[in-house]
């Protein structure tokens, strides 16, 4: 099975589409994750970044932000953590490529685990750190976009493996 690491620029599209590019492609990755044909991972810091985007950039009410973050946990469980080696690598990548440490952390974890980083972050893409959802889908048959982008009100399906572990 294919594993990917999705950064917040992709994850936000799972919950919000207005003004966003690549929504259908990002949600195709989510759908493939829900179907069990790939594993979409996030970092533990994704919850903080997504909460910040939802509250500040999108101006959503606190109750809605909390619901989105709860949904993210159901979809991806706990996020991946940086190992000591990945922290050092992230620091080097941040300095070398003039990235935020947050962005460099995604790249470092993807490198350490030998998985693809899926992002629409211009700085990460410019540094050669990852691929866009469109490019990922074009090269991986496990996540094909089918039909139009889902409606904005659509709630992403929970990861079935997560339900088994939690007993819900």
Protein backbone atom coordinates (compact mmCIF):
# COMPACT_ATOMS: atom_id res chain seq x y z
CA UNK A 1 0.00 0.00 0.00
CA UNK A 2 1.16 3.53 -0.77
CA UNK A 3 1.81 5.93 2.09
CA UNK A 4 1.77 9.69 1.62
CA UNK A 5 2.29 12.64 3.91
CA UNK A 6 -0.22 15.45 3.35
CA UNK A 7 0.64 18.89 4.63
CA UNK A 8 -1.89 21.43 5.82
CA UNK A 9 -2.16 23.06 2.39
CA UNK A 10 -3.73 19.78 1.21
CA UNK A 11 -5.63 18.84 4.38
CA UNK A 12 -7.52 22.15 4.48
CA UNK A 13 -9.10 21.19 1.13
CA UNK A 14 -10.67 18.16 2.76
CA UNK A 15 -12.87 20.53 4.78
CA UNK A 16 -13.05 23.74 2.75
CA UNK A 17 -13.23 24.49 -0.97
CA UNK A 18 -14.10 28.14 -1.53
CA UNK A 19 -11.15 29.87 -3.19
CA UNK A 20 -9.03 26.72 -3.06
CA UNK A 21 -7.28 25.05 -6.00
CA UNK A 22 -6.92 21.27 -6.38
CA UNK A 23 -9.89 20.51 -4.10
CA UNK A 24 -11.05 17.53 -6.17
CA UNK A 25 -7.56 16.11 -6.32
CA UNK A 26 -6.94 16.56 -2.58
CA UNK A 27 -10.27 14.90 -1.85
CA UNK A 28 -9.44 12.04 -4.22
CA UNK A 29 -6.46 11.31 -1.97
CA UNK A 30 -8.77 11.43 1.05
CA UNK A 31 -11.24 9.09 -0.69
CA UNK A 32 -8.45 6.63 -1.51
CA UNK A 33 -7.40 6.75 2.15
CA UNK A 34 -10.98 6.03 3.26
CA UNK A 35 -11.16 3.15 0.75
CA UNK A 36 -7.93 1.71 2.12
CA UNK A 37 -5.99 1.95 -1.14
CA UNK A 38 -3.45 4.34 0.34
CA UNK A 39 -2.57 5.72 3.74
CA UNK A 40 -2.72 9.50 4.07
CA UNK A 41 -0.57 10.64 6.99
CA UNK A 42 -0.30 14.03 8.65
CA UNK A 43 2.16 15.40 11.19
CA UNK A 44 1.18 16.02 14.79
CA UNK A 45 1.59 19.74 14.08
CA UNK A 46 -1.08 19.61 11.36
CA UNK A 47 -3.82 19.97 13.96
CA UNK A 48 -2.34 23.30 15.09
CA UNK A 49 -1.80 24.57 11.57
CA UNK A 50 -5.29 23.50 10.44
CA UNK A 51 -6.85 25.04 13.54
CA UNK A 52 -5.04 28.29 12.84
CA UNK A 53 -6.15 28.35 9.19
CA UNK A 54 -9.76 27.53 10.11
CA UNK A 55 -9.98 30.09 12.92
CA UNK A 56 -7.88 32.95 11.56
CA UNK A 57 -7.72 32.74 7.77
CA UNK A 58 -11.21 31.30 7.23
CA UNK A 59 -12.79 33.01 10.25
CA UNK A 60 -14.82 29.97 11.26
CA UNK A 61 -16.49 29.92 14.67
CA UNK A 62 -14.74 28.00 17.44
CA UNK A 63 -17.30 25.21 17.50
CA UNK A 64 -16.78 24.56 13.77
CA UNK A 65 -12.98 24.67 14.15
CA UNK A 66 -13.20 22.10 16.94
CA UNK A 67 -15.44 19.87 14.82
CA UNK A 68 -12.95 20.01 11.92
CA UNK A 69 -10.07 19.08 14.20
CA UNK A 70 -12.06 16.21 15.72
CA UNK A 71 -12.82 14.99 12.20
CA UNK A 72 -9.14 15.16 11.25
CA UNK A 73 -8.30 12.91 14.20
CA UNK A 74 -10.94 10.41 13.09
CA UNK A 75 -9.52 10.40 9.57
CA UNK A 76 -5.80 10.22 10.33
CA UNK A 77 -5.58 9.30 14.01
CA UNK A 78 -2.60 10.86 15.73
CA UNK A 79 -0.17 12.64 13.46
CA UNK A 80 3.37 11.49 12.87
CA UNK A 81 5.99 12.97 15.18
CA UNK A 82 9.44 14.21 14.31
CA UNK A 83 12.19 11.87 15.43
CA UNK A 84 15.42 13.43 16.71
CA UNK A 85 16.98 12.68 13.31
CA UNK A 86 14.08 14.34 11.46
CA UNK A 87 14.29 17.41 13.72
CA UNK A 88 17.94 17.86 12.77
CA UNK A 89 17.16 17.30 9.10
CA UNK A 90 14.28 19.80 9.28
CA UNK A 91 16.58 22.42 10.77
CA UNK A 92 19.09 21.90 7.96
CA UNK A 93 16.38 21.98 5.29
CA UNK A 94 14.87 25.14 6.77
CA UNK A 95 18.21 26.96 6.71
CA UNK A 96 19.39 25.63 3.35
CA UNK A 97 16.11 26.24 1.50
CA UNK A 98 14.88 29.25 3.48
CA UNK A 99 11.73 27.43 4.58
CA UNK A 100 9.74 27.75 7.77
CA UNK A 101 10.65 25.04 10.24
CA UNK A 102 7.03 23.83 9.99
CA UNK A 103 7.35 23.26 6.24
CA UNK A 104 10.80 21.73 6.59
CA UNK A 105 9.41 19.31 9.20
CA UNK A 106 6.99 17.84 6.65
CA UNK A 107 9.84 17.39 4.19
CA UNK A 108 12.14 15.82 6.77
CA UNK A 109 9.56 13.28 7.93
CA UNK A 110 8.68 12.37 4.33
CA UNK A 111 12.38 11.84 3.59
CA UNK A 112 12.98 9.82 6.73
CA UNK A 113 10.03 7.52 6.02
CA UNK A 114 10.64 7.42 2.24
CA UNK A 115 7.09 8.53 1.49
CA UNK A 116 5.77 11.17 -0.88
CA UNK A 117 4.97 14.61 0.48
CA UNK A 118 1.80 15.94 -1.13
CA UNK A 119 1.57 19.73 -0.94
CA UNK A 120 0.41 22.84 -2.74
CA UNK A 121 2.79 25.02 -0.73
CA UNK A 122 4.74 27.08 -3.27
CA UNK A 123 7.92 27.20 -1.18
CA UNK A 124 8.03 23.44 -0.67
CA UNK A 125 7.32 22.80 -4.33
CA UNK A 126 9.98 25.29 -5.38
CA UNK A 127 12.49 23.48 -3.16
CA UNK A 128 11.58 20.15 -4.78
CA UNK A 129 10.22 18.76 -1.53
CA UNK A 130 6.96 17.27 -2.75
CA UNK A 131 4.33 16.95 -5.43
CA UNK A 132 0.93 18.51 -5.94
CA UNK A 133 -2.22 16.42 -5.53
CA UNK A 134 -2.67 16.58 -9.32
CA UNK A 135 0.82 15.22 -9.95
CA UNK A 136 0.41 12.53 -7.30
CA UNK A 137 -2.88 11.33 -8.79
CA UNK A 138 -1.40 11.31 -12.29
CA UNK A 139 1.30 8.87 -11.22
CA UNK A 140 -0.53 6.70 -8.66
CA UNK A 141 -3.46 4.57 -9.71
CA UNK A 142 -4.50 4.17 -6.05
CA UNK A 143 -5.89 7.72 -5.98
CA UNK A 144 -7.74 8.62 -9.16
CA UNK A 145 -10.01 11.61 -9.29
CA UNK A 146 -13.50 10.49 -10.19
CA UNK A 147 -16.17 13.01 -11.09
CA UNK A 148 -16.57 16.58 -9.87
CA UNK A 149 -15.25 17.93 -6.59
CA UNK A 150 -17.47 16.98 -3.65
CA UNK A 151 -19.86 19.57 -2.27
CA UNK A 152 -18.50 21.99 0.32
CA UNK A 153 -20.77 20.54 2.99
CA UNK A 154 -19.51 17.00 2.47
CA UNK A 155 -17.91 15.53 5.57
CA UNK A 156 -14.89 13.33 4.82
CA UNK A 157 -15.24 9.67 5.67
CA UNK A 158 -13.43 8.46 8.74
CA UNK A 159 -10.57 6.04 8.36
CA UNK A 160 -12.10 2.57 8.86
CA UNK A 161 -8.92 1.38 10.61
CA UNK A 162 -9.36 4.21 13.14
CA UNK A 163 -12.92 3.07 13.98
CA UNK A 164 -11.71 -0.48 14.58
CA UNK A 165 -9.07 0.72 17.07
CA UNK A 166 -11.41 3.03 18.95
CA UNK A 167 -14.33 0.61 19.02
CA UNK A 168 -16.76 3.11 17.47
